[in-house]
Amino acid sequence: MTPEEKLASMGLTLPTPPSPIATYVPFRLVGDMLYLSGQGPRLPSGGYSVGRLGKDVSIEQGYADARTVGLQLLAVAKMAVGELSRIQAVVKLLGMVNAEPDFADHPKVINGCSDLLVEVLGEAGRHARSAVGMGSLPNRMTVEIEAILQVAPGH
């Protein structure tokens, strides 16, 4: 089953990747390494899920937001390389959580993205990871996640 078929079987569809609004690109492919710019949990309305973990956002909502970001990262990867089956490995994630200073469950939040990547990509989705707290994130979004992937050559 391809990753796209797996997504469909899960009832999930990839969102349209947003266009950058600043001086950066959504991805950079260097050799067989694909670097994905940070993504935040976009809402269907175009805005972001906002708030601070440990204050006005629950761990469950943060997890769901990180899962949404996982879909967005996959959408950017598909845009970059054409088909998700080219992903040989999710090498590294950096998960940033908009959190209160005493919040300590950053990994539980970023698990939303990690779990999704493993569900969709299998062993190729397992990765090294950092999950850290931030004093703020752009647009007050709850989480931002960036990724480094290894991809197979195109056909």
C-alpha atoms as a PDB file:
ATOM      1  CA  MET A   1       0.000   0.000   0.000  1.00  0.00           C
ATOM      2  CA  THR A   2       1.447   3.393  -0.959  1.00  0.00           C
ATOM      3  CA  PRO A   3       1.501   6.206   1.599  1.00  0.00           C
ATOM      4  CA  GLU A   4      -1.204   7.967  -0.435  1.00  0.00           C
ATOM      5  CA  GLU A   5      -3.372   4.820  -0.278  1.00  0.00           C
ATOM      6  CA  LYS A   6      -2.692   4.563   3.464  1.00  0.00           C
ATOM      7  CA  LEU A   7      -3.866   8.167   3.947  1.00  0.00           C
ATOM      8  CA  ALA A   8      -7.032   7.434   1.969  1.00  0.00           C
ATOM      9  CA  SER A   9      -7.701   4.301   4.044  1.00  0.00           C
ATOM     10  CA  MET A  10      -7.387   6.470   7.162  1.00  0.00           C
ATOM     11  CA  GLY A  11      -9.903   8.945   5.733  1.00  0.00           C
ATOM     12  CA  LEU A  12      -7.240  11.663   5.497  1.00  0.00           C
ATOM     13  CA  THR A  13      -6.437  14.003   2.641  1.00  0.00           C
ATOM     14  CA  LEU A  14      -3.380  16.161   2.232  1.00  0.00           C
ATOM     15  CA  PRO A  15      -4.036  19.896   2.457  1.00  0.00           C
ATOM     16  CA  THR A  16      -2.841  22.329  -0.186  1.00  0.00           C
ATOM     17  CA  PRO A  17       0.553  23.576   0.997  1.00  0.00           C
ATOM     18  CA  PRO A  18       0.462  27.284   1.829  1.00  0.00           C
ATOM     19  CA  SER A  19       2.602  29.704  -0.147  1.00  0.00           C
ATOM     20  CA  PRO A  20       5.378  31.397   1.816  1.00  0.00           C
ATOM     21  CA  ILE A  21       4.640  35.023   2.714  1.00  0.00           C
ATOM     22  CA  ALA A  22       8.266  35.924   3.410  1.00  0.00           C
ATOM     23  CA  THR A  23      11.708  35.363   1.918  1.00  0.00           C
ATOM     24  CA  TYR A  24      11.992  31.595   2.215  1.00  0.00           C
ATOM     25  CA  VAL A  25      10.942  28.475   0.341  1.00  0.00           C
ATOM     26  CA  PRO A  26       8.702  25.669   1.654  1.00  0.00           C
ATOM     27  CA  PHE A  27      11.400  23.072   0.976  1.00  0.00           C
ATOM     28  CA  ARG A  28      14.944  22.623  -0.256  1.00  0.00           C
ATOM     29  CA  LEU A  29      16.091  19.391  -1.910  1.00  0.00           C
ATOM     30  CA  VAL A  30      19.860  18.874  -1.626  1.00  0.00           C
ATOM     31  CA  GLY A  31      21.003  15.559  -3.070  1.00  0.00           C
ATOM     32  CA  ASP A  32      18.821  12.948  -1.426  1.00  0.00           C
ATOM     33  CA  MET A  33      17.978  15.143   1.577  1.00  0.00           C
ATOM     34  CA  LEU A  34      14.726  17.108   1.667  1.00  0.00           C
ATOM     35  CA  TYR A  35      14.542  19.956   4.175  1.00  0.00           C
ATOM     36  CA  LEU A  36      11.011  21.122   4.996  1.00  0.00           C
ATOM     37  CA  SER A  37      10.392  24.595   6.403  1.00  0.00           C
ATOM     38  CA  GLY A  38       8.467  24.857   9.653  1.00  0.00           C
ATOM     39  CA  GLN A  39       4.702  24.411   9.400  1.00  0.00           C
ATOM     40  CA  GLY A  40       1.987  25.474  11.831  1.00  0.00           C
ATOM     41  CA  PRO A  41      -1.494  23.994  12.344  1.00  0.00           C
ATOM     42  CA  ARG A  42      -3.515  25.668   9.605  1.00  0.00           C
ATOM     43  CA  LEU A  43      -7.268  25.737   9.944  1.00  0.00           C
ATOM     44  CA  PRO A  44      -9.600  25.256   6.950  1.00  0.00           C
ATOM     45  CA  SER A  45     -10.390  28.981   7.262  1.00  0.00           C
ATOM     46  CA  GLY A  46      -6.730  29.786   6.525  1.00  0.00           C
ATOM     47  CA  GLY A  47      -5.829  30.912  10.047  1.00  0.00           C
ATOM     48  CA  TYR A  48      -3.970  28.890  12.658  1.00  0.00           C
ATOM     49  CA  SER A  49      -4.868  27.013  15.801  1.00  0.00           C
ATOM     50  CA  VAL A  50      -3.582  29.428  18.440  1.00  0.00           C
ATOM     51  CA  GLY A  51      -2.833  29.536  22.150  1.00  0.00           C
ATOM     52  CA  ARG A  52      -0.366  28.369  24.757  1.00  0.00           C
ATOM     53  CA  LEU A  53       0.014  24.866  26.103  1.00  0.00           C
ATOM     54  CA  GLY A  54      -0.264  24.860  29.862  1.00  0.00           C
ATOM     55  CA  LYS A  55      -2.550  27.896  29.787  1.00  0.00           C
ATOM     56  CA  ASP A  56      -5.434  27.835  27.311  1.00  0.00           C
ATOM     57  CA  VAL A  57      -4.671  24.774  25.140  1.00  0.00           C
ATOM     58  CA  SER A  58      -4.892  21.147  26.313  1.00  0.00           C
ATOM     59  CA  ILE A  59      -2.328  18.462  25.553  1.00  0.00           C
ATOM     60  CA  GLU A  60      -5.016  16.702  23.491  1.00  0.00           C
ATOM     61  CA  GLN A  61      -5.584  19.797  21.347  1.00  0.00           C
ATOM     62  CA  GLY A  62      -1.829  20.284  20.968  1.00  0.00           C
ATOM     63  CA  TYR A  63      -1.494  16.643  19.875  1.00  0.00           C
ATOM     64  CA  ALA A  64      -4.268  17.144  17.297  1.00  0.00           C
ATOM     65  CA  ASP A  65      -2.567  20.318  16.059  1.00  0.00           C
ATOM     66  CA  ALA A  66       0.770  18.499  15.704  1.00  0.00           C
ATOM     67  CA  ARG A  67      -1.024  15.750  13.756  1.00  0.00           C
ATOM     68  CA  THR A  68      -2.427  18.425  11.430  1.00  0.00           C
ATOM     69  CA  VAL A  69       1.102  19.739  10.946  1.00  0.00           C
ATOM     70  CA  GLY A  70       2.238  16.204  10.070  1.00  0.00           C
ATOM     71  CA  LEU A  71      -0.280  16.171   7.219  1.00  0.00           C
ATOM     72  CA  GLN A  72       0.992  19.556   6.074  1.00  0.00           C
ATOM     73  CA  LEU A  73       4.599  18.329   6.121  1.00  0.00           C
ATOM     74  CA  LEU A  74       3.582  15.333   4.011  1.00  0.00           C
ATOM     75  CA  ALA A  75       1.785  17.690   1.600  1.00  0.00           C
ATOM     76  CA  VAL A  76       4.943  19.774   1.165  1.00  0.00           C
ATOM     77  CA  ALA A  77       7.031  16.623   0.717  1.00  0.00           C
ATOM     78  CA  LYS A  78       4.633  15.406  -1.986  1.00  0.00           C
ATOM     79  CA  MET A  79       4.833  18.802  -3.681  1.00  0.00           C
ATOM     80  CA  ALA A  80       8.632  18.547  -3.591  1.00  0.00           C
ATOM     81  CA  VAL A  81       9.142  14.978  -4.818  1.00  0.00           C
ATOM     82  CA  GLY A  82       5.871  13.968  -6.500  1.00  0.00           C
ATOM     83  CA  GLU A  83       4.987  10.845  -4.558  1.00  0.00           C
ATOM     84  CA  LEU A  84       5.316   9.990  -0.880  1.00  0.00           C
ATOM     85  CA  SER A  85       6.683   6.534  -1.642  1.00  0.00           C
ATOM     86  CA  ARG A  86       9.980   8.288  -2.486  1.00  0.00           C
ATOM     87  CA  ILE A  87      10.439   9.045   1.221  1.00  0.00           C
ATOM     88  CA  GLN A  88      13.075   6.588   2.413  1.00  0.00           C
ATOM     89  CA  ALA A  89      13.328   8.000   5.919  1.00  0.00           C
ATOM     90  CA  VAL A  90      12.074  10.798   8.092  1.00  0.00           C
ATOM     91  CA  VAL A  91      15.488  11.642   9.496  1.00  0.00           C
ATOM     92  CA  LYS A  92      14.717  14.384  12.039  1.00  0.00           C
ATOM     93  CA  LEU A  93      11.858  16.491  13.371  1.00  0.00           C
ATOM     94  CA  LEU A  94      12.151  19.690  15.334  1.00  0.00           C
ATOM     95  CA  GLY A  95       8.879  20.269  17.187  1.00  0.00           C
ATOM     96  CA  MET A  96       8.348  23.637  18.826  1.00  0.00           C
ATOM     97  CA  VAL A  97       5.508  24.120  21.300  1.00  0.00           C
ATOM     98  CA  ASN A  98       4.063  27.509  22.276  1.00  0.00           C
ATOM     99  CA  ALA A  99       4.089  26.812  26.005  1.00  0.00           C
ATOM    100  CA  GLU A 100       4.013  28.329  29.457  1.00  0.00           C
ATOM    101  CA  PRO A 101       7.408  28.268  31.236  1.00  0.00           C
ATOM    102  CA  ASP A 102       6.324  25.475  33.604  1.00  0.00           C
ATOM    103  CA  PHE A 103       4.795  23.258  30.871  1.00  0.00           C
ATOM    104  CA  ALA A 104       6.659  19.939  30.735  1.00  0.00           C
ATOM    105  CA  ASP A 105       4.766  17.743  28.257  1.00  0.00           C
ATOM    106  CA  HIS A 106       6.242  18.937  24.952  1.00  0.00           C
ATOM    107  CA  PRO A 107       6.890  15.353  23.752  1.00  0.00           C
ATOM    108  CA  LYS A 108       3.227  14.393  24.318  1.00  0.00           C
ATOM    109  CA  VAL A 109       2.215  17.256  22.016  1.00  0.00           C
ATOM    110  CA  ILE A 110       4.719  16.551  19.222  1.00  0.00           C
ATOM    111  CA  ASN A 111       3.777  12.849  19.354  1.00  0.00           C
ATOM    112  CA  GLY A 112       0.778  13.892  17.226  1.00  0.00           C
ATOM    113  CA  CYS A 113       3.094  14.472  14.281  1.00  0.00           C
ATOM    114  CA  SER A 114       5.409  11.554  15.043  1.00  0.00           C
ATOM    115  CA  ASP A 115       2.531   9.087  15.376  1.00  0.00           C
ATOM    116  CA  LEU A 116       0.989  10.212  12.080  1.00  0.00           C
ATOM    117  CA  LEU A 117       4.278   9.868  10.178  1.00  0.00           C
ATOM    118  CA  VAL A 118       4.762   6.305  11.436  1.00  0.00           C
ATOM    119  CA  GLU A 119       1.106   5.410  10.684  1.00  0.00           C
ATOM    120  CA  VAL A 120       1.434   6.657   7.105  1.00  0.00           C
ATOM    121  CA  LEU A 121       5.051   5.769   6.268  1.00  0.00           C
ATOM    122  CA  GLY A 122       5.689   2.748   8.490  1.00  0.00           C
ATOM    123  CA  GLU A 123       9.316   2.241   9.530  1.00  0.00           C
ATOM    124  CA  ALA A 124      10.413   5.028   7.160  1.00  0.00           C
ATOM    125  CA  GLY A 125       8.428   7.395   9.390  1.00  0.00           C
ATOM    126  CA  ARG A 126      10.485   6.676  12.533  1.00  0.00           C
ATOM    127  CA  HIS A 127      12.823   9.549  13.255  1.00  0.00           C
ATOM    128  CA  ALA A 128      15.141  11.356  15.594  1.00  0.00           C
ATOM    129  CA  ARG A 129      13.369  14.300  17.229  1.00  0.00           C
ATOM    130  CA  SER A 130      13.547  17.306  19.460  1.00  0.00           C
ATOM    131  CA  ALA A 131      10.439  18.639  21.206  1.00  0.00           C
ATOM    132  CA  VAL A 132      11.018  22.001  22.833  1.00  0.00           C
ATOM    133  CA  GLY A 133       9.042  24.853  24.360  1.00  0.00           C
ATOM    134  CA  MET A 134       9.034  28.367  22.972  1.00  0.00           C
ATOM    135  CA  GLY A 135       8.029  31.648  24.572  1.00  0.00           C
ATOM    136  CA  SER A 136       6.007  32.441  21.446  1.00  0.00           C
ATOM    137  CA  LEU A 137       5.491  31.249  17.879  1.00  0.00           C
ATOM    138  CA  PRO A 138       4.448  33.156  14.736  1.00  0.00           C
ATOM    139  CA  ASN A 139       0.764  34.106  14.637  1.00  0.00           C
ATOM    140  CA  ARG A 140       0.452  32.726  18.208  1.00  0.00           C
ATOM    141  CA  MET A 141       0.179  29.201  16.707  1.00  0.00           C
ATOM    142  CA  THR A 142       0.247  26.302  19.153  1.00  0.00           C
ATOM    143  CA  VAL A 143       3.019  24.315  17.446  1.00  0.00           C
ATOM    144  CA  GLU A 144       5.517  24.601  14.617  1.00  0.00           C
ATOM    145  CA  ILE A 145       7.352  21.586  13.220  1.00  0.00           C
ATOM    146  CA  GLU A 146      10.114  21.304  10.640  1.00  0.00           C
ATOM    147  CA  ALA A 147      11.506  18.107   9.139  1.00  0.00           C
ATOM    148  CA  ILE A 148      14.464  16.588   7.342  1.00  0.00           C
ATOM    149  CA  LEU A 149      13.717  13.637   5.052  1.00  0.00           C
ATOM    150  CA  GLN A 150      15.813  11.301   2.941  1.00  0.00           C
ATOM    151  CA  VAL A 151      14.276  10.641  -0.475  1.00  0.00           C
ATOM    152  CA  ALA A 152      14.913   8.175  -3.272  1.00  0.00           C
ATOM    153  CA  PRO A 153      15.965   9.494  -6.682  1.00  0.00           C
ATOM    154  CA  GLY A 154      13.114  10.443  -9.045  1.00  0.00           C
ATOM    155  CA  HIS A 155      12.128   8.231 -11.935  1.00  0.00           C
END
